[in-house]
Amino acid sequence: MRLLSDRTSHERQRLGALGDLALALDRLACTDTVLVAATDKLLAFELTEPLAFARRRAAAVNLCVQMPDRSHIAGRHGCVLLDDASRIVDFEEKPAQPRSDLASLALYVLPPAAHSLLRDYLAGGGNPDAPGHFLAWLVQRAPVYGYIAGGPSYDVGTPETYAAANRAYTRRPI
């Protein structure tokens, strides 16, 4: 295990989630596909099949979950629009009026080709602390596919949603 430091000492110097990812990719000289978990979700499914899906596509992949309706996405989740081949044709971060009922889980599989595109995004002034904005930018420049997860996910981002997720998850059969 290696500990990487961005050498910041004040909050205003922070690199942001994507800045930190780019720093890690550079410092580790990473040439592998990476799984980025920029989420506050507890996942009740294995990642084996989504990762195999990403390997078959050799492209960036965003894990999604189907919501009961669009109101569950509005202002809270990234919204994903797929074509018939599962390619993302539109991604919008936390829209007020979602165009689909597919929500991003903020889990991304990024192949080596996407690493340089991340650097381009940041060099062009892209938001360094919002992975969903990078994904919206990326789908306009490279093939990005959506994998619809078959199992549930639970929001654990606030004390209230964590408590609700804990109740729901502990009731699940083993």
Protein backbone atom coordinates (compact mmCIF):
# COMPACT_ATOMS: atom_id res chain seq x y z
CA MET A 1 0.00 0.00 0.00
CA ARG A 2 1.16 3.53 -0.80
CA LEU A 3 -0.03 6.75 0.76
CA LEU A 4 -0.14 9.68 -1.63
CA SER A 5 -0.23 13.27 -0.45
CA ASP A 6 -1.35 16.22 -2.52
CA ARG A 7 0.83 18.36 -0.21
CA THR A 8 -1.95 20.81 0.51
CA SER A 9 -2.18 22.40 3.92
CA HIS A 10 -5.30 24.56 3.48
CA GLU A 11 -8.79 23.79 2.21
CA ARG A 12 -8.54 26.40 -0.55
CA GLN A 13 -5.53 24.48 -2.00
CA ARG A 14 -7.41 21.18 -2.34
CA LEU A 15 -7.28 19.54 -5.73
CA GLY A 16 -10.81 18.11 -5.61
CA ALA A 17 -11.87 14.52 -6.23
CA LEU A 18 -10.85 14.54 -9.90
CA GLY A 19 -7.67 16.49 -9.23
CA ASP A 20 -6.74 13.87 -6.63
CA LEU A 21 -7.54 11.08 -9.10
CA ALA A 22 -5.32 12.66 -11.76
CA LEU A 23 -2.56 13.10 -9.17
CA ALA A 24 -2.79 9.42 -8.20
CA LEU A 25 -2.80 8.25 -11.82
CA ASP A 26 0.30 10.35 -12.52
CA ARG A 27 2.22 9.49 -9.35
CA LEU A 28 1.52 5.79 -9.72
CA ALA A 29 2.21 5.91 -13.47
CA CYS A 30 -1.05 4.01 -13.81
CA THR A 31 -1.67 2.36 -17.16
CA ASP A 32 -4.48 0.09 -15.93
CA THR A 33 -8.24 0.39 -15.92
CA VAL A 34 -9.39 1.95 -12.65
CA LEU A 35 -12.63 1.74 -10.70
CA VAL A 36 -13.59 5.13 -9.29
CA ALA A 37 -16.05 5.09 -6.40
CA ALA A 38 -17.21 8.68 -5.91
CA THR A 39 -20.36 7.65 -4.14
CA ASP A 40 -22.19 7.68 -0.84
CA LYS A 41 -24.08 4.48 -1.63
CA LEU A 42 -24.00 1.09 0.05
CA LEU A 43 -24.13 -1.49 -2.75
CA ALA A 44 -25.91 -4.80 -2.30
CA PHE A 45 -24.48 -6.44 -5.41
CA GLU A 46 -21.13 -7.71 -6.62
CA LEU A 47 -19.02 -5.78 -9.11
CA THR A 48 -17.88 -8.85 -11.05
CA GLU A 49 -20.35 -8.51 -13.92
CA PRO A 50 -20.10 -4.71 -14.28
CA LEU A 51 -16.31 -5.03 -14.50
CA ALA A 52 -16.60 -7.82 -17.10
CA PHE A 53 -19.04 -5.59 -19.04
CA ALA A 54 -16.42 -2.81 -19.00
CA ARG A 55 -13.67 -5.17 -20.22
CA ARG A 56 -15.87 -6.33 -23.12
CA ARG A 57 -16.53 -2.71 -24.15
CA ALA A 58 -12.95 -1.48 -23.60
CA ALA A 59 -14.49 1.89 -22.86
CA ALA A 60 -15.49 3.96 -19.87
CA VAL A 61 -18.51 2.64 -17.98
CA ASN A 62 -20.88 4.27 -15.50
CA LEU A 63 -22.85 2.03 -13.19
CA CYS A 64 -26.53 3.00 -13.04
CA VAL A 65 -29.61 1.96 -11.16
CA GLN A 66 -33.20 2.15 -12.35
CA MET A 67 -35.27 4.38 -10.08
CA PRO A 68 -39.02 3.94 -9.46
CA ASP A 69 -39.61 7.22 -11.28
CA ARG A 70 -37.81 10.39 -12.33
CA SER A 71 -38.75 12.28 -9.16
CA HIS A 72 -36.23 10.12 -7.26
CA ILE A 73 -33.45 11.53 -9.48
CA ALA A 74 -34.38 15.23 -9.66
CA GLY A 75 -31.71 17.32 -7.97
CA ARG A 76 -30.16 14.30 -6.21
CA HIS A 77 -28.49 12.00 -8.75
CA GLY A 78 -26.82 12.14 -12.11
CA CYS A 79 -29.29 11.17 -14.84
CA VAL A 80 -28.23 8.72 -17.55
CA LEU A 81 -29.80 8.31 -20.99
CA LEU A 82 -28.79 5.16 -22.92
CA ASP A 83 -29.21 4.08 -26.52
CA ASP A 84 -30.11 0.52 -27.57
CA ALA A 85 -26.45 -0.55 -27.35
CA SER A 86 -26.15 0.73 -23.73
CA ARG A 87 -24.00 3.67 -24.83
CA ILE A 88 -24.62 6.83 -22.82
CA VAL A 89 -26.01 9.46 -25.16
CA ASP A 90 -26.67 12.01 -22.44
CA PHE A 91 -25.59 12.50 -18.84
CA GLU A 92 -26.67 15.37 -16.66
CA GLU A 93 -25.51 15.94 -13.11
CA LYS A 94 -28.46 16.33 -10.71
CA PRO A 95 -30.99 17.76 -13.20
CA ALA A 96 -34.19 19.44 -12.05
CA GLN A 97 -36.08 17.69 -14.88
CA PRO A 98 -34.53 14.23 -15.48
CA ARG A 99 -34.90 12.80 -19.00
CA SER A 100 -34.87 9.15 -17.85
CA ASP A 101 -35.34 6.99 -14.77
CA LEU A 102 -31.70 5.81 -14.75
CA ALA A 103 -29.61 7.28 -11.96
CA SER A 104 -25.83 7.23 -11.82
CA LEU A 105 -24.33 5.41 -8.84
CA ALA A 106 -21.16 7.54 -9.20
CA LEU A 107 -19.15 4.37 -9.84
CA TYR A 108 -17.02 4.68 -12.94
CA VAL A 109 -14.71 2.28 -14.74
CA LEU A 110 -12.06 4.31 -16.56
CA PRO A 111 -9.76 2.57 -19.05
CA PRO A 112 -6.29 3.97 -19.76
CA ALA A 113 -7.58 6.03 -22.72
CA ALA A 114 -9.82 7.98 -20.33
CA HIS A 115 -6.84 8.98 -18.14
CA SER A 116 -5.51 11.47 -20.68
CA LEU A 117 -9.04 12.77 -21.27
CA LEU A 118 -9.31 13.44 -17.52
CA ARG A 119 -6.15 15.53 -17.75
CA ASP A 120 -7.61 17.40 -20.77
CA TYR A 121 -10.84 18.05 -18.84
CA LEU A 122 -8.95 19.49 -15.87
CA ALA A 123 -6.55 21.52 -18.05
CA GLY A 124 -9.58 23.02 -19.81
CA GLY A 125 -10.98 24.32 -16.53
CA GLY A 126 -13.41 21.49 -15.77
CA ASN A 127 -14.79 21.26 -12.23
CA PRO A 128 -12.09 19.32 -10.32
CA ASP A 129 -14.43 18.21 -7.55
CA ALA A 130 -17.45 16.87 -9.42
CA PRO A 131 -17.00 13.49 -11.14
CA GLY A 132 -20.47 13.71 -12.68
CA HIS A 133 -19.48 16.83 -14.60
CA PHE A 134 -16.45 14.98 -15.98
CA LEU A 135 -18.71 12.14 -17.11
CA ALA A 136 -21.06 14.59 -18.87
CA TRP A 137 -18.02 16.06 -20.64
CA LEU A 138 -16.58 12.63 -21.44
CA VAL A 139 -19.70 11.23 -23.14
CA GLN A 140 -19.35 14.01 -25.73
CA ARG A 141 -15.81 12.88 -26.60
CA ALA A 142 -15.49 9.12 -26.14
CA PRO A 143 -17.63 6.00 -25.94
CA VAL A 144 -19.07 5.67 -22.43
CA TYR A 145 -21.48 2.88 -21.62
CA GLY A 146 -24.01 2.45 -18.87
CA TYR A 147 -24.32 -0.75 -16.91
CA ILE A 148 -27.65 -1.11 -15.13
CA ALA A 149 -26.96 -2.76 -11.78
CA GLY A 150 -29.25 -5.62 -10.87
CA GLY A 151 -29.08 -5.23 -7.12
CA PRO A 152 -30.18 -2.49 -4.78
CA SER A 153 -28.15 0.42 -3.52
CA TYR A 154 -28.77 2.48 -0.43
CA ASP A 155 -27.98 6.14 0.12
CA VAL A 156 -25.78 6.60 3.20
CA GLY A 157 -24.88 10.27 2.70
CA THR A 158 -26.74 11.70 5.69
CA PRO A 159 -27.43 10.34 9.18
CA GLU A 160 -31.10 9.89 8.25
CA THR A 161 -30.47 8.03 4.98
CA TYR A 162 -27.74 5.97 6.68
CA ALA A 163 -30.20 4.87 9.37
CA ALA A 164 -32.83 3.99 6.75
CA ALA A 165 -30.25 2.07 4.69
CA ASN A 166 -29.10 0.21 7.76
CA ARG A 167 -32.67 -0.87 8.55
CA ALA A 168 -33.32 -1.94 4.95
CA TYR A 169 -30.00 -3.73 4.51
CA THR A 170 -30.16 -5.68 7.76
CA ARG A 171 -33.64 -6.99 6.82
CA ARG A 172 -32.27 -8.53 3.60
CA PRO A 173 -31.87 -12.33 3.54
CA ILE A 174 -28.31 -13.59 3.51
